[in-house]
């Protein structure tokens, strides 16, 4: 996927006002099957997979012993009756690591399976499947035209099989833009046919980033990085994915942090002066003391204002707090603003 097909601004506007399509086949796909598949998923993800019924999905994190996020992911509980050839058919779970993490997570799953003595098969299917995301106010109509009217009944964070251009697909009501829409998995040989079934704006990585930034969504490797910027789910503001009543790798460390409270928290902010916040810029208080760091920033195409995400000391994380972002050695005033930045979005 290129940074842009036409322009980031044009592609961003299309998703907010009509619809756009993203090729997100760089994401990973790993299938887990077997008598201990649920136990394996439960022990290696922070959310409670036992809450999932077949056809449901959940957002989760993958943490190490210290509770640090190695990756975030979407986990699907796969129905047993998926048509042959549909992504996930024959598996119990399908989960989606971020780009470039599939081999690492496959190794983590297989190593833990062996050390824990669990009976489960783990298969990396990243090279076998493709994914497109169709997002925007017109996405439902577009996907219904291509896949059939039944996809209108797919609810948020659920998925159903469908056929698009004679290609068996797994159609999920999920996305990374804040708009309604679907993420569609399919056998890789059907990629051109599925992509060509949608007459809407092709979108690249640039618009994907500005759209997710306006919503305050985490970007793996940028808003958290287990080596360069290690963060826990509580620090990263995704505590809703932590099921402390289950046993998973990192659970004890997270329980201790939950009780004590994180020292820093993930926040959004709007810059009140001219400039664009960028990854690595310092965030300071009114006395010029460094209290945090920017992890993501852009000029919001929807708002026309510079916005950013980052971590600040917990004492400065309240909505409405005035902070400063150091841009070219100059402190620029900013206001802590809980994402999403756009009105009417949740």
C-alpha atoms as a PDB file:
ATOM      1  CA  UNK A   1       0.000   0.000   0.000  1.00  0.00           C
ATOM      2  CA  UNK A   2       1.498   3.353  -0.984  1.00  0.00           C
ATOM      3  CA  UNK A   3       1.513   6.415   1.238  1.00  0.00           C
ATOM      4  CA  UNK A   4      -1.077   7.940  -1.087  1.00  0.00           C
ATOM      5  CA  UNK A   5      -2.925   7.176  -4.310  1.00  0.00           C
ATOM      6  CA  UNK A   6      -4.110  10.723  -5.051  1.00  0.00           C
ATOM      7  CA  UNK A   7      -3.540  12.869  -1.976  1.00  0.00           C
ATOM      8  CA  UNK A   8      -3.802  12.221   1.748  1.00  0.00           C
ATOM      9  CA  UNK A   9      -6.303  15.043   2.152  1.00  0.00           C
ATOM     10  CA  UNK A  10      -8.515  13.812  -0.699  1.00  0.00           C
ATOM     11  CA  UNK A  11      -8.459  10.229   0.535  1.00  0.00           C
ATOM     12  CA  UNK A  12      -9.114  11.283   4.141  1.00  0.00           C
ATOM     13  CA  UNK A  13     -12.101  13.407   3.056  1.00  0.00           C
ATOM     14  CA  UNK A  14     -13.534  10.546   0.995  1.00  0.00           C
ATOM     15  CA  UNK A  15     -13.614   8.237   4.033  1.00  0.00           C
ATOM     16  CA  UNK A  16     -15.190  10.890   6.254  1.00  0.00           C
ATOM     17  CA  UNK A  17     -17.837  11.881   3.687  1.00  0.00           C
ATOM     18  CA  UNK A  18     -18.394   8.850   1.415  1.00  0.00           C
ATOM     19  CA  UNK A  19     -16.144   5.764   1.357  1.00  0.00           C
ATOM     20  CA  UNK A  20     -12.612   4.610   0.770  1.00  0.00           C
ATOM     21  CA  UNK A  21     -10.890   1.260   0.351  1.00  0.00           C
ATOM     22  CA  UNK A  22      -7.571   0.255   1.925  1.00  0.00           C
ATOM     23  CA  UNK A  23      -5.412  -2.746   1.069  1.00  0.00           C
ATOM     24  CA  UNK A  24      -4.279  -3.869   4.531  1.00  0.00           C
ATOM     25  CA  UNK A  25      -2.888  -7.236   3.456  1.00  0.00           C
ATOM     26  CA  UNK A  26       0.354  -6.323   5.239  1.00  0.00           C
ATOM     27  CA  UNK A  27      -1.397  -7.290   8.474  1.00  0.00           C
ATOM     28  CA  UNK A  28      -0.796 -10.823   9.780  1.00  0.00           C
ATOM     29  CA  UNK A  29      -3.226 -13.722  10.141  1.00  0.00           C
ATOM     30  CA  UNK A  30      -2.625 -16.614  12.515  1.00  0.00           C
ATOM     31  CA  UNK A  31      -5.016 -19.523  13.083  1.00  0.00           C
ATOM     32  CA  UNK A  32      -5.252 -21.555  16.286  1.00  0.00           C
ATOM     33  CA  UNK A  33      -7.020 -24.920  16.435  1.00  0.00           C
ATOM     34  CA  UNK A  34      -7.287 -27.787  18.885  1.00  0.00           C
ATOM     35  CA  UNK A  35      -8.571 -28.948  22.274  1.00  0.00           C
ATOM     36  CA  UNK A  36      -6.428 -26.398  24.136  1.00  0.00           C
ATOM     37  CA  UNK A  37      -6.831 -23.575  21.631  1.00  0.00           C
ATOM     38  CA  UNK A  38      -8.929 -21.502  24.014  1.00  0.00           C
ATOM     39  CA  UNK A  39      -6.432 -21.999  26.841  1.00  0.00           C
ATOM     40  CA  UNK A  40      -3.567 -20.946  24.575  1.00  0.00           C
ATOM     41  CA  UNK A  41      -5.367 -17.797  23.436  1.00  0.00           C
ATOM     42  CA  UNK A  42      -6.397 -16.996  27.012  1.00  0.00           C
ATOM     43  CA  UNK A  43      -2.852 -17.268  28.310  1.00  0.00           C
ATOM     44  CA  UNK A  44      -1.303 -15.093  25.593  1.00  0.00           C
ATOM     45  CA  UNK A  45      -3.856 -12.285  25.216  1.00  0.00           C
ATOM     46  CA  UNK A  46      -4.998  -9.874  27.898  1.00  0.00           C
ATOM     47  CA  UNK A  47      -8.726  -9.892  27.163  1.00  0.00           C
ATOM     48  CA  UNK A  48     -11.111 -12.739  28.015  1.00  0.00           C
ATOM     49  CA  UNK A  49     -11.507 -14.926  24.925  1.00  0.00           C
ATOM     50  CA  UNK A  50     -14.009 -17.131  26.733  1.00  0.00           C
ATOM     51  CA  UNK A  51     -16.521 -14.303  26.370  1.00  0.00           C
ATOM     52  CA  UNK A  52     -16.486 -14.765  22.610  1.00  0.00           C
ATOM     53  CA  UNK A  53     -19.235 -16.648  20.832  1.00  0.00           C
ATOM     54  CA  UNK A  54     -18.540 -18.029  17.348  1.00  0.00           C
ATOM     55  CA  UNK A  55     -18.534 -15.145  14.879  1.00  0.00           C
ATOM     56  CA  UNK A  56     -17.542 -12.550  17.466  1.00  0.00           C
ATOM     57  CA  UNK A  57     -14.313 -10.557  17.694  1.00  0.00           C
ATOM     58  CA  UNK A  58     -12.518  -8.623  20.398  1.00  0.00           C
ATOM     59  CA  UNK A  59      -9.684  -6.136  20.557  1.00  0.00           C
ATOM     60  CA  UNK A  60      -6.846  -7.276  22.800  1.00  0.00           C
ATOM     61  CA  UNK A  61      -3.181  -6.861  23.618  1.00  0.00           C
ATOM     62  CA  UNK A  62      -0.306  -9.323  23.746  1.00  0.00           C
ATOM     63  CA  UNK A  63       1.884  -8.612  26.779  1.00  0.00           C
ATOM     64  CA  UNK A  64       5.143  -9.909  28.213  1.00  0.00           C
ATOM     65  CA  UNK A  65       5.826 -10.889  31.839  1.00  0.00           C
ATOM     66  CA  UNK A  66       6.203  -7.210  32.780  1.00  0.00           C
ATOM     67  CA  UNK A  67       2.807  -6.350  31.322  1.00  0.00           C
ATOM     68  CA  UNK A  68       4.429  -4.454  28.437  1.00  0.00           C
ATOM     69  CA  UNK A  69       2.507  -4.513  25.145  1.00  0.00           C
ATOM     70  CA  UNK A  70       4.288  -6.535  22.470  1.00  0.00           C
ATOM     71  CA  UNK A  71       1.461  -5.990  19.986  1.00  0.00           C
ATOM     72  CA  UNK A  72      -2.236  -5.244  19.830  1.00  0.00           C
ATOM     73  CA  UNK A  73      -4.567  -7.494  17.905  1.00  0.00           C
ATOM     74  CA  UNK A  74      -8.116  -8.435  16.964  1.00  0.00           C
ATOM     75  CA  UNK A  75      -9.129 -11.990  17.914  1.00  0.00           C
ATOM     76  CA  UNK A  76     -11.933 -13.781  16.053  1.00  0.00           C
ATOM     77  CA  UNK A  77     -13.773 -16.834  17.400  1.00  0.00           C
ATOM     78  CA  UNK A  78     -14.364 -18.808  14.237  1.00  0.00           C
ATOM     79  CA  UNK A  79     -17.656 -20.671  13.663  1.00  0.00           C
ATOM     80  CA  UNK A  80     -17.311 -24.379  12.948  1.00  0.00           C
ATOM     81  CA  UNK A  81     -19.462 -24.219   9.817  1.00  0.00           C
ATOM     82  CA  UNK A  82     -17.550 -21.726   7.660  1.00  0.00           C
ATOM     83  CA  UNK A  83     -17.688 -22.675   3.964  1.00  0.00           C
ATOM     84  CA  UNK A  84     -14.556 -24.357   2.651  1.00  0.00           C
ATOM     85  CA  UNK A  85     -11.993 -21.849   1.392  1.00  0.00           C
ATOM     86  CA  UNK A  86     -13.163 -19.044   3.666  1.00  0.00           C
ATOM     87  CA  UNK A  87     -10.318 -17.565   5.748  1.00  0.00           C
ATOM     88  CA  UNK A  88     -10.417 -19.232   9.167  1.00  0.00           C
ATOM     89  CA  UNK A  89     -12.363 -22.282   7.996  1.00  0.00           C
ATOM     90  CA  UNK A  90     -11.424 -25.265  10.142  1.00  0.00           C
ATOM     91  CA  UNK A  91      -9.786 -23.137  12.834  1.00  0.00           C
ATOM     92  CA  UNK A  92     -11.113 -22.236  16.277  1.00  0.00           C
ATOM     93  CA  UNK A  93      -9.499 -18.782  16.432  1.00  0.00           C
ATOM     94  CA  UNK A  94      -8.051 -16.334  13.949  1.00  0.00           C
ATOM     95  CA  UNK A  95      -6.062 -13.381  15.230  1.00  0.00           C
ATOM     96  CA  UNK A  96      -4.496 -10.433  13.430  1.00  0.00           C
ATOM     97  CA  UNK A  97      -0.996  -9.312  14.442  1.00  0.00           C
ATOM     98  CA  UNK A  98       0.299  -6.023  13.096  1.00  0.00           C
ATOM     99  CA  UNK A  99       2.478  -5.776  10.012  1.00  0.00           C
ATOM    100  CA  UNK A 100       5.766  -7.597  10.401  1.00  0.00           C
ATOM    101  CA  UNK A 101       4.789  -9.237  13.703  1.00  0.00           C
ATOM    102  CA  UNK A 102       3.289 -12.446  12.315  1.00  0.00           C
ATOM    103  CA  UNK A 103       6.465 -14.550  12.503  1.00  0.00           C
ATOM    104  CA  UNK A 104       7.237 -13.245  15.988  1.00  0.00           C
ATOM    105  CA  UNK A 105       3.752 -14.044  17.260  1.00  0.00           C
ATOM    106  CA  UNK A 106       3.681 -17.438  15.577  1.00  0.00           C
ATOM    107  CA  UNK A 107       6.919 -18.280  17.367  1.00  0.00           C
ATOM    108  CA  UNK A 108       5.554 -16.934  20.670  1.00  0.00           C
ATOM    109  CA  UNK A 109       2.396 -19.047  20.370  1.00  0.00           C
ATOM    110  CA  UNK A 110       4.228 -22.240  19.460  1.00  0.00           C
ATOM    111  CA  UNK A 111       6.879 -21.778  22.168  1.00  0.00           C
ATOM    112  CA  UNK A 112       4.247 -21.172  24.846  1.00  0.00           C
ATOM    113  CA  UNK A 113       2.231 -24.145  23.625  1.00  0.00           C
ATOM    114  CA  UNK A 114       5.256 -26.382  24.110  1.00  0.00           C
ATOM    115  CA  UNK A 115       6.276 -24.967  27.493  1.00  0.00           C
ATOM    116  CA  UNK A 116       2.722 -25.172  28.826  1.00  0.00           C
ATOM    117  CA  UNK A 117       2.100 -28.642  27.386  1.00  0.00           C
ATOM    118  CA  UNK A 118      -0.990 -27.554  25.465  1.00  0.00           C
ATOM    119  CA  UNK A 119      -2.619 -29.449  22.592  1.00  0.00           C
ATOM    120  CA  UNK A 120      -3.163 -26.886  19.847  1.00  0.00           C
ATOM    121  CA  UNK A 121      -2.119 -26.242  16.264  1.00  0.00           C
ATOM    122  CA  UNK A 122      -0.809 -22.779  15.363  1.00  0.00           C
ATOM    123  CA  UNK A 123      -0.527 -21.823  11.698  1.00  0.00           C
ATOM    124  CA  UNK A 124       0.755 -18.582  10.184  1.00  0.00           C
ATOM    125  CA  UNK A 125      -1.554 -17.839   7.225  1.00  0.00           C
ATOM    126  CA  UNK A 126      -0.273 -14.344   6.443  1.00  0.00           C
ATOM    127  CA  UNK A 127       0.959 -15.311   2.973  1.00  0.00           C
ATOM    128  CA  UNK A 128      -2.321 -17.090   2.199  1.00  0.00           C
ATOM    129  CA  UNK A 129      -4.820 -14.323   2.975  1.00  0.00           C
ATOM    130  CA  UNK A 130      -5.410 -10.739   1.928  1.00  0.00           C
ATOM    131  CA  UNK A 131      -7.453  -8.030   3.657  1.00  0.00           C
ATOM    132  CA  UNK A 132      -9.196  -4.918   2.396  1.00  0.00           C
ATOM    133  CA  UNK A 133     -10.982  -2.381   4.559  1.00  0.00           C
ATOM    134  CA  UNK A 134     -13.975  -0.514   3.129  1.00  0.00           C
ATOM    135  CA  UNK A 135     -14.723   2.426   5.404  1.00  0.00           C
ATOM    136  CA  UNK A 136     -17.020   5.447   5.434  1.00  0.00           C
ATOM    137  CA  UNK A 137     -20.696   6.468   5.551  1.00  0.00           C
ATOM    138  CA  UNK A 138     -21.362   4.709   2.235  1.00  0.00           C
ATOM    139  CA  UNK A 139     -19.397   1.555   3.096  1.00  0.00           C
ATOM    140  CA  UNK A 140     -22.415  -0.500   4.129  1.00  0.00           C
ATOM    141  CA  UNK A 141     -24.169   0.079   0.812  1.00  0.00           C
ATOM    142  CA  UNK A 142     -21.007  -0.689  -1.149  1.00  0.00           C
ATOM    143  CA  UNK A 143     -20.333  -3.949   0.659  1.00  0.00           C
ATOM    144  CA  UNK A 144     -23.991  -4.986   0.504  1.00  0.00           C
ATOM    145  CA  UNK A 145     -23.947  -4.440  -3.266  1.00  0.00           C
ATOM    146  CA  UNK A 146     -20.842  -6.607  -3.592  1.00  0.00           C
ATOM    147  CA  UNK A 147     -21.478  -9.281  -0.966  1.00  0.00           C
ATOM    148  CA  UNK A 148     -25.256  -9.406  -0.554  1.00  0.00           C
ATOM    149  CA  UNK A 149     -27.799  -7.717   1.658  1.00  0.00           C
ATOM    150  CA  UNK A 150     -27.100 -10.051   4.600  1.00  0.00           C
ATOM    151  CA  UNK A 151     -23.918  -8.131   5.448  1.00  0.00           C
ATOM    152  CA  UNK A 152     -26.084  -5.227   6.626  1.00  0.00           C
ATOM    153  CA  UNK A 153     -27.041  -7.383   9.628  1.00  0.00           C
ATOM    154  CA  UNK A 154     -23.416  -7.897  10.720  1.00  0.00           C
ATOM    155  CA  UNK A 155     -23.030  -5.942  13.948  1.00  0.00           C
ATOM    156  CA  UNK A 156     -19.981  -4.210  15.389  1.00  0.00           C
ATOM    157  CA  UNK A 157     -17.155  -6.639  16.170  1.00  0.00           C
ATOM    158  CA  UNK A 158     -18.868  -9.618  14.591  1.00  0.00           C
ATOM    159  CA  UNK A 159     -18.169 -11.338  11.281  1.00  0.00           C
ATOM    160  CA  UNK A 160     -19.908 -13.577   8.775  1.00  0.00           C
ATOM    161  CA  UNK A 161     -18.917 -15.473   5.619  1.00  0.00           C
ATOM    162  CA  UNK A 162     -19.912 -13.984   2.270  1.00  0.00           C
ATOM    163  CA  UNK A 163     -18.953 -14.308  -1.387  1.00  0.00           C
ATOM    164  CA  UNK A 164     -17.536 -11.401  -3.393  1.00  0.00           C
ATOM    165  CA  UNK A 165     -16.745 -11.920  -7.087  1.00  0.00           C
ATOM    166  CA  UNK A 166     -16.831 -15.717  -6.586  1.00  0.00           C
ATOM    167  CA  UNK A 167     -14.275 -15.386  -3.763  1.00  0.00           C
ATOM    168  CA  UNK A 168     -15.107 -16.795  -0.303  1.00  0.00           C
ATOM    169  CA  UNK A 169     -14.661 -13.986   2.242  1.00  0.00           C
ATOM    170  CA  UNK A 170     -14.782 -13.431   6.002  1.00  0.00           C
ATOM    171  CA  UNK A 171     -16.539 -10.069   6.428  1.00  0.00           C
ATOM    172  CA  UNK A 172     -16.071  -8.283   9.770  1.00  0.00           C
ATOM    173  CA  UNK A 173     -17.727  -5.073  10.986  1.00  0.00           C
ATOM    174  CA  UNK A 174     -14.459  -3.620  12.213  1.00  0.00           C
ATOM    175  CA  UNK A 175     -12.113  -0.827  11.182  1.00  0.00           C
ATOM    176  CA  UNK A 176      -9.425   1.683  12.075  1.00  0.00           C
ATOM    177  CA  UNK A 177     -10.925   4.969  10.893  1.00  0.00           C
ATOM    178  CA  UNK A 178     -13.777   5.813  13.266  1.00  0.00           C
ATOM    179  CA  UNK A 179     -16.264   5.395  10.428  1.00  0.00           C
ATOM    180  CA  UNK A 180     -18.639   2.518   9.858  1.00  0.00           C
ATOM    181  CA  UNK A 181     -17.390  -0.174   7.552  1.00  0.00           C
ATOM    182  CA  UNK A 182     -15.927  -3.619   7.121  1.00  0.00           C
ATOM    183  CA  UNK A 183     -12.634  -5.451   7.024  1.00  0.00           C
ATOM    184  CA  UNK A 184     -12.778  -8.286   4.503  1.00  0.00           C
ATOM    185  CA  UNK A 185     -10.445 -11.296   4.530  1.00  0.00           C
ATOM    186  CA  UNK A 186     -10.083 -13.519   1.473  1.00  0.00           C
ATOM    187  CA  UNK A 187      -7.708 -16.062  -0.111  1.00  0.00           C
ATOM    188  CA  UNK A 188      -4.840 -14.113  -1.646  1.00  0.00           C
ATOM    189  CA  UNK A 189      -5.591 -15.334  -5.162  1.00  0.00           C
ATOM    190  CA  UNK A 190      -8.881 -13.403  -4.995  1.00  0.00           C
ATOM    191  CA  UNK A 191      -7.212 -10.076  -4.174  1.00  0.00           C
ATOM    192  CA  UNK A 192      -7.656  -8.356  -7.548  1.00  0.00           C
ATOM    193  CA  UNK A 193     -11.251  -9.485  -7.888  1.00  0.00           C
ATOM    194  CA  UNK A 194     -12.240  -8.328  -4.389  1.00  0.00           C
ATOM    195  CA  UNK A 195     -10.409  -5.013  -4.710  1.00  0.00           C
ATOM    196  CA  UNK A 196     -12.065  -4.380  -8.068  1.00  0.00           C
ATOM    197  CA  UNK A 197     -15.550  -5.024  -6.673  1.00  0.00           C
ATOM    198  CA  UNK A 198     -15.606  -1.639  -4.928  1.00  0.00           C
ATOM    199  CA  UNK A 199     -15.973   1.627  -6.813  1.00  0.00           C
ATOM    200  CA  UNK A 200     -14.667   4.068  -4.233  1.00  0.00           C
ATOM    201  CA  UNK A 201     -11.559   6.071  -3.408  1.00  0.00           C
ATOM    202  CA  UNK A 202      -8.385   3.972  -2.992  1.00  0.00           C
ATOM    203  CA  UNK A 203      -6.572   5.074   0.159  1.00  0.00           C
ATOM    204  CA  UNK A 204      -2.987   4.752   1.294  1.00  0.00           C
ATOM    205  CA  UNK A 205      -1.021   4.680   4.528  1.00  0.00           C
ATOM    206  CA  UNK A 206      -1.079   8.465   4.901  1.00  0.00           C
ATOM    207  CA  UNK A 207      -4.863   8.728   5.146  1.00  0.00           C
ATOM    208  CA  UNK A 208      -4.983   5.615   7.309  1.00  0.00           C
ATOM    209  CA  UNK A 209      -2.716   7.429   9.758  1.00  0.00           C
ATOM    210  CA  UNK A 210      -4.576  10.769   9.797  1.00  0.00           C
ATOM    211  CA  UNK A 211      -7.933   8.994  10.185  1.00  0.00           C
ATOM    212  CA  UNK A 212      -6.794   6.863  13.119  1.00  0.00           C
ATOM    213  CA  UNK A 213      -5.063   9.871  14.723  1.00  0.00           C
ATOM    214  CA  UNK A 214      -8.312  11.868  14.750  1.00  0.00           C
ATOM    215  CA  UNK A 215      -9.831   8.967  16.694  1.00  0.00           C
ATOM    216  CA  UNK A 216      -6.867   8.556  19.062  1.00  0.00           C
ATOM    217  CA  UNK A 217      -6.248   4.942  18.037  1.00  0.00           C
ATOM    218  CA  UNK A 218      -2.906   3.373  18.949  1.00  0.00           C
ATOM    219  CA  UNK A 219      -0.359   2.565  16.249  1.00  0.00           C
ATOM    220  CA  UNK A 220       1.887  -0.394  17.051  1.00  0.00           C
ATOM    221  CA  UNK A 221       5.557   0.534  16.888  1.00  0.00           C
ATOM    222  CA  UNK A 222       4.788   4.233  17.172  1.00  0.00           C
ATOM    223  CA  UNK A 223       2.507   4.819  20.180  1.00  0.00           C
ATOM    224  CA  UNK A 224       4.030   1.823  21.931  1.00  0.00           C
ATOM    225  CA  UNK A 225       7.172  -0.171  21.247  1.00  0.00           C
ATOM    226  CA  UNK A 226       8.296  -2.940  23.566  1.00  0.00           C
ATOM    227  CA  UNK A 227      11.957  -1.997  23.142  1.00  0.00           C
ATOM    228  CA  UNK A 228      12.086   1.753  22.467  1.00  0.00           C
ATOM    229  CA  UNK A 229       8.928   2.911  24.286  1.00  0.00           C
ATOM    230  CA  UNK A 230       7.617   0.060  26.480  1.00  0.00           C
ATOM    231  CA  UNK A 231       4.055   0.697  27.615  1.00  0.00           C
ATOM    232  CA  UNK A 232       1.387  -1.301  29.381  1.00  0.00           C
ATOM    233  CA  UNK A 233      -2.312  -1.332  28.469  1.00  0.00           C
ATOM    234  CA  UNK A 234      -3.049   0.838  31.517  1.00  0.00           C
ATOM    235  CA  UNK A 235      -0.525   3.443  30.423  1.00  0.00           C
ATOM    236  CA  UNK A 236      -1.737   3.262  26.820  1.00  0.00           C
ATOM    237  CA  UNK A 237      -5.356   3.932  27.770  1.00  0.00           C
ATOM    238  CA  UNK A 238      -6.721   0.549  26.701  1.00  0.00           C
ATOM    239  CA  UNK A 239      -7.396  -0.849  30.161  1.00  0.00           C
ATOM    240  CA  UNK A 240     -10.725  -2.213  28.857  1.00  0.00           C
ATOM    241  CA  UNK A 241      -8.755  -5.025  27.171  1.00  0.00           C
ATOM    242  CA  UNK A 242      -7.278  -6.230  30.480  1.00  0.00           C
ATOM    243  CA  UNK A 243      -9.243  -9.038  32.149  1.00  0.00           C
ATOM    244  CA  UNK A 244      -7.489  -9.343  35.496  1.00  0.00           C
ATOM    245  CA  UNK A 245      -9.797 -12.205  36.492  1.00  0.00           C
ATOM    246  CA  UNK A 246      -8.081 -14.407  33.896  1.00  0.00           C
ATOM    247  CA  UNK A 247      -4.552 -15.842  33.930  1.00  0.00           C
ATOM    248  CA  UNK A 248      -2.361 -14.520  31.136  1.00  0.00           C
ATOM    249  CA  UNK A 249       1.291 -13.637  30.673  1.00  0.00           C
ATOM    250  CA  UNK A 250       1.827 -10.271  32.363  1.00  0.00           C
ATOM    251  CA  UNK A 251      -1.323 -10.449  34.477  1.00  0.00           C
ATOM    252  CA  UNK A 252       0.435 -10.106  37.864  1.00  0.00           C
ATOM    253  CA  UNK A 253       2.484  -7.093  36.765  1.00  0.00           C
ATOM    254  CA  UNK A 254      -0.628  -5.409  35.436  1.00  0.00           C
ATOM    255  CA  UNK A 255      -2.588  -6.139  38.606  1.00  0.00           C
ATOM    256  CA  UNK A 256       0.161  -4.408  40.605  1.00  0.00           C
ATOM    257  CA  UNK A 257       0.171  -1.394  38.283  1.00  0.00           C
ATOM    258  CA  UNK A 258      -3.618  -1.211  38.381  1.00  0.00           C
ATOM    259  CA  UNK A 259      -3.503  -1.000  42.165  1.00  0.00           C
ATOM    260  CA  UNK A 260      -0.700   1.578  42.283  1.00  0.00           C
ATOM    261  CA  UNK A 261      -1.771   3.582  39.226  1.00  0.00           C
ATOM    262  CA  UNK A 262       0.411   4.291  36.168  1.00  0.00           C
ATOM    263  CA  UNK A 263       3.002   7.053  36.438  1.00  0.00           C
ATOM    264  CA  UNK A 264       2.257   8.244  32.896  1.00  0.00           C
ATOM    265  CA  UNK A 265      -0.876   8.118  30.739  1.00  0.00           C
ATOM    266  CA  UNK A 266      -1.627   8.233  27.016  1.00  0.00           C
ATOM    267  CA  UNK A 267      -3.374  11.476  26.077  1.00  0.00           C
ATOM    268  CA  UNK A 268      -4.492  13.490  23.107  1.00  0.00           C
ATOM    269  CA  UNK A 269      -3.839  17.181  22.693  1.00  0.00           C
ATOM    270  CA  UNK A 270      -4.657  20.060  20.351  1.00  0.00           C
ATOM    271  CA  UNK A 271      -1.886  22.536  19.577  1.00  0.00           C
ATOM    272  CA  UNK A 272      -3.084  26.112  20.108  1.00  0.00           C
ATOM    273  CA  UNK A 273      -0.223  27.709  18.149  1.00  0.00           C
ATOM    274  CA  UNK A 274       1.273  27.342  14.692  1.00  0.00           C
ATOM    275  CA  UNK A 275       3.237  24.132  14.188  1.00  0.00           C
ATOM    276  CA  UNK A 276       2.800  20.388  13.776  1.00  0.00           C
ATOM    277  CA  UNK A 277       3.673  17.996  16.628  1.00  0.00           C
ATOM    278  CA  UNK A 278       5.834  15.039  15.652  1.00  0.00           C
ATOM    279  CA  UNK A 279       6.988  11.777  17.158  1.00  0.00           C
ATOM    280  CA  UNK A 280       9.687  12.334  19.785  1.00  0.00           C
ATOM    281  CA  UNK A 281       8.935  15.989  20.594  1.00  0.00           C
ATOM    282  CA  UNK A 282       9.045  16.861  24.298  1.00  0.00           C
ATOM    283  CA  UNK A 283       5.902  17.798  26.211  1.00  0.00           C
ATOM    284  CA  UNK A 284       6.546  20.268  29.041  1.00  0.00           C
ATOM    285  CA  UNK A 285       4.628  21.965  31.824  1.00  0.00           C
ATOM    286  CA  UNK A 286       4.301  25.720  32.406  1.00  0.00           C
ATOM    287  CA  UNK A 287       7.727  25.826  34.068  1.00  0.00           C
ATOM    288  CA  UNK A 288       9.438  24.211  31.108  1.00  0.00           C
ATOM    289  CA  UNK A 289       9.932  20.878  32.871  1.00  0.00           C
ATOM    290  CA  UNK A 290       9.633  17.826  30.634  1.00  0.00           C
ATOM    291  CA  UNK A 291       6.548  15.826  31.591  1.00  0.00           C
ATOM    292  CA  UNK A 292       6.187  13.557  28.567  1.00  0.00           C
ATOM    293  CA  UNK A 293       6.719  12.944  24.882  1.00  0.00           C
ATOM    294  CA  UNK A 294       4.736  13.070  21.657  1.00  0.00           C
ATOM    295  CA  UNK A 295       4.291   9.700  19.941  1.00  0.00           C
ATOM    296  CA  UNK A 296       2.095  10.739  16.973  1.00  0.00           C
ATOM    297  CA  UNK A 297       1.005  14.032  15.466  1.00  0.00           C
ATOM    298  CA  UNK A 298      -0.465  15.601  12.346  1.00  0.00           C
ATOM    299  CA  UNK A 299      -2.444  18.504  10.980  1.00  0.00           C
ATOM    300  CA  UNK A 300      -5.989  17.193  11.222  1.00  0.00           C
ATOM    301  CA  UNK A 301      -7.562  17.261   7.740  1.00  0.00           C
ATOM    302  CA  UNK A 302     -11.080  17.334   9.239  1.00  0.00           C
ATOM    303  CA  UNK A 303     -10.453  20.041  11.830  1.00  0.00           C
ATOM    304  CA  UNK A 304      -7.681  22.089  10.278  1.00  0.00           C
ATOM    305  CA  UNK A 305      -5.912  22.039  13.648  1.00  0.00           C
ATOM    306  CA  UNK A 306      -2.647  20.381  14.692  1.00  0.00           C
ATOM    307  CA  UNK A 307      -3.347  17.390  16.931  1.00  0.00           C
ATOM    308  CA  UNK A 308      -1.201  14.823  18.643  1.00  0.00           C
ATOM    309  CA  UNK A 309      -0.969  11.826  20.931  1.00  0.00           C
ATOM    310  CA  UNK A 310       1.596  11.025  23.573  1.00  0.00           C
ATOM    311  CA  UNK A 311       2.365  10.191  27.166  1.00  0.00           C
ATOM    312  CA  UNK A 312       2.453  12.669  30.047  1.00  0.00           C
ATOM    313  CA  UNK A 313       2.876  12.365  33.790  1.00  0.00           C
ATOM    314  CA  UNK A 314      -0.433  11.334  35.346  1.00  0.00           C
ATOM    315  CA  UNK A 315      -0.724  14.638  37.247  1.00  0.00           C
ATOM    316  CA  UNK A 316      -0.944  16.489  33.906  1.00  0.00           C
ATOM    317  CA  UNK A 317      -3.266  14.100  32.041  1.00  0.00           C
ATOM    318  CA  UNK A 318      -6.619  15.721  32.851  1.00  0.00           C
ATOM    319  CA  UNK A 319      -8.803  16.942  30.007  1.00  0.00           C
ATOM    320  CA  UNK A 320      -8.352  20.695  29.552  1.00  0.00           C
ATOM    321  CA  UNK A 321      -4.871  20.825  31.099  1.00  0.00           C
ATOM    322  CA  UNK A 322      -2.500  23.314  29.447  1.00  0.00           C
ATOM    323  CA  UNK A 323       0.858  21.879  28.378  1.00  0.00           C
ATOM    324  CA  UNK A 324       3.522  22.824  25.836  1.00  0.00           C
ATOM    325  CA  UNK A 325       5.076  20.934  22.939  1.00  0.00           C
ATOM    326  CA  UNK A 326       8.663  21.805  22.039  1.00  0.00           C
ATOM    327  CA  UNK A 327       8.868  22.423  18.285  1.00  0.00           C
ATOM    328  CA  UNK A 328      12.233  23.622  16.967  1.00  0.00           C
ATOM    329  CA  UNK A 329      13.283  24.608  20.470  1.00  0.00           C
ATOM    330  CA  UNK A 330      10.147  26.702  21.003  1.00  0.00           C
ATOM    331  CA  UNK A 331       7.384  25.732  23.478  1.00  0.00           C
ATOM    332  CA  UNK A 332       4.001  25.763  21.739  1.00  0.00           C
ATOM    333  CA  UNK A 333       0.885  25.831  23.891  1.00  0.00           C
ATOM    334  CA  UNK A 334      -1.400  22.815  23.702  1.00  0.00           C
ATOM    335  CA  UNK A 335      -4.537  21.629  25.478  1.00  0.00           C
ATOM    336  CA  UNK A 336      -4.975  18.057  26.684  1.00  0.00           C
ATOM    337  CA  UNK A 337      -8.058  16.792  24.821  1.00  0.00           C
ATOM    338  CA  UNK A 338      -9.471  13.305  25.208  1.00  0.00           C
ATOM    339  CA  UNK A 339      -9.854  11.617  21.799  1.00  0.00           C
ATOM    340  CA  UNK A 340     -11.696  11.282  19.568  1.00  0.00           C
ATOM    341  CA  UNK A 341     -10.999  14.855  18.511  1.00  0.00           C
ATOM    342  CA  UNK A 342     -14.025  15.040  16.207  1.00  0.00           C
ATOM    343  CA  UNK A 343     -17.461  15.869  17.590  1.00  0.00           C
ATOM    344  CA  UNK A 344     -20.052  13.135  17.274  1.00  0.00           C
ATOM    345  CA  UNK A 345     -17.540  10.268  17.272  1.00  0.00           C
ATOM    346  CA  UNK A 346     -16.974   7.728  20.034  1.00  0.00           C
END
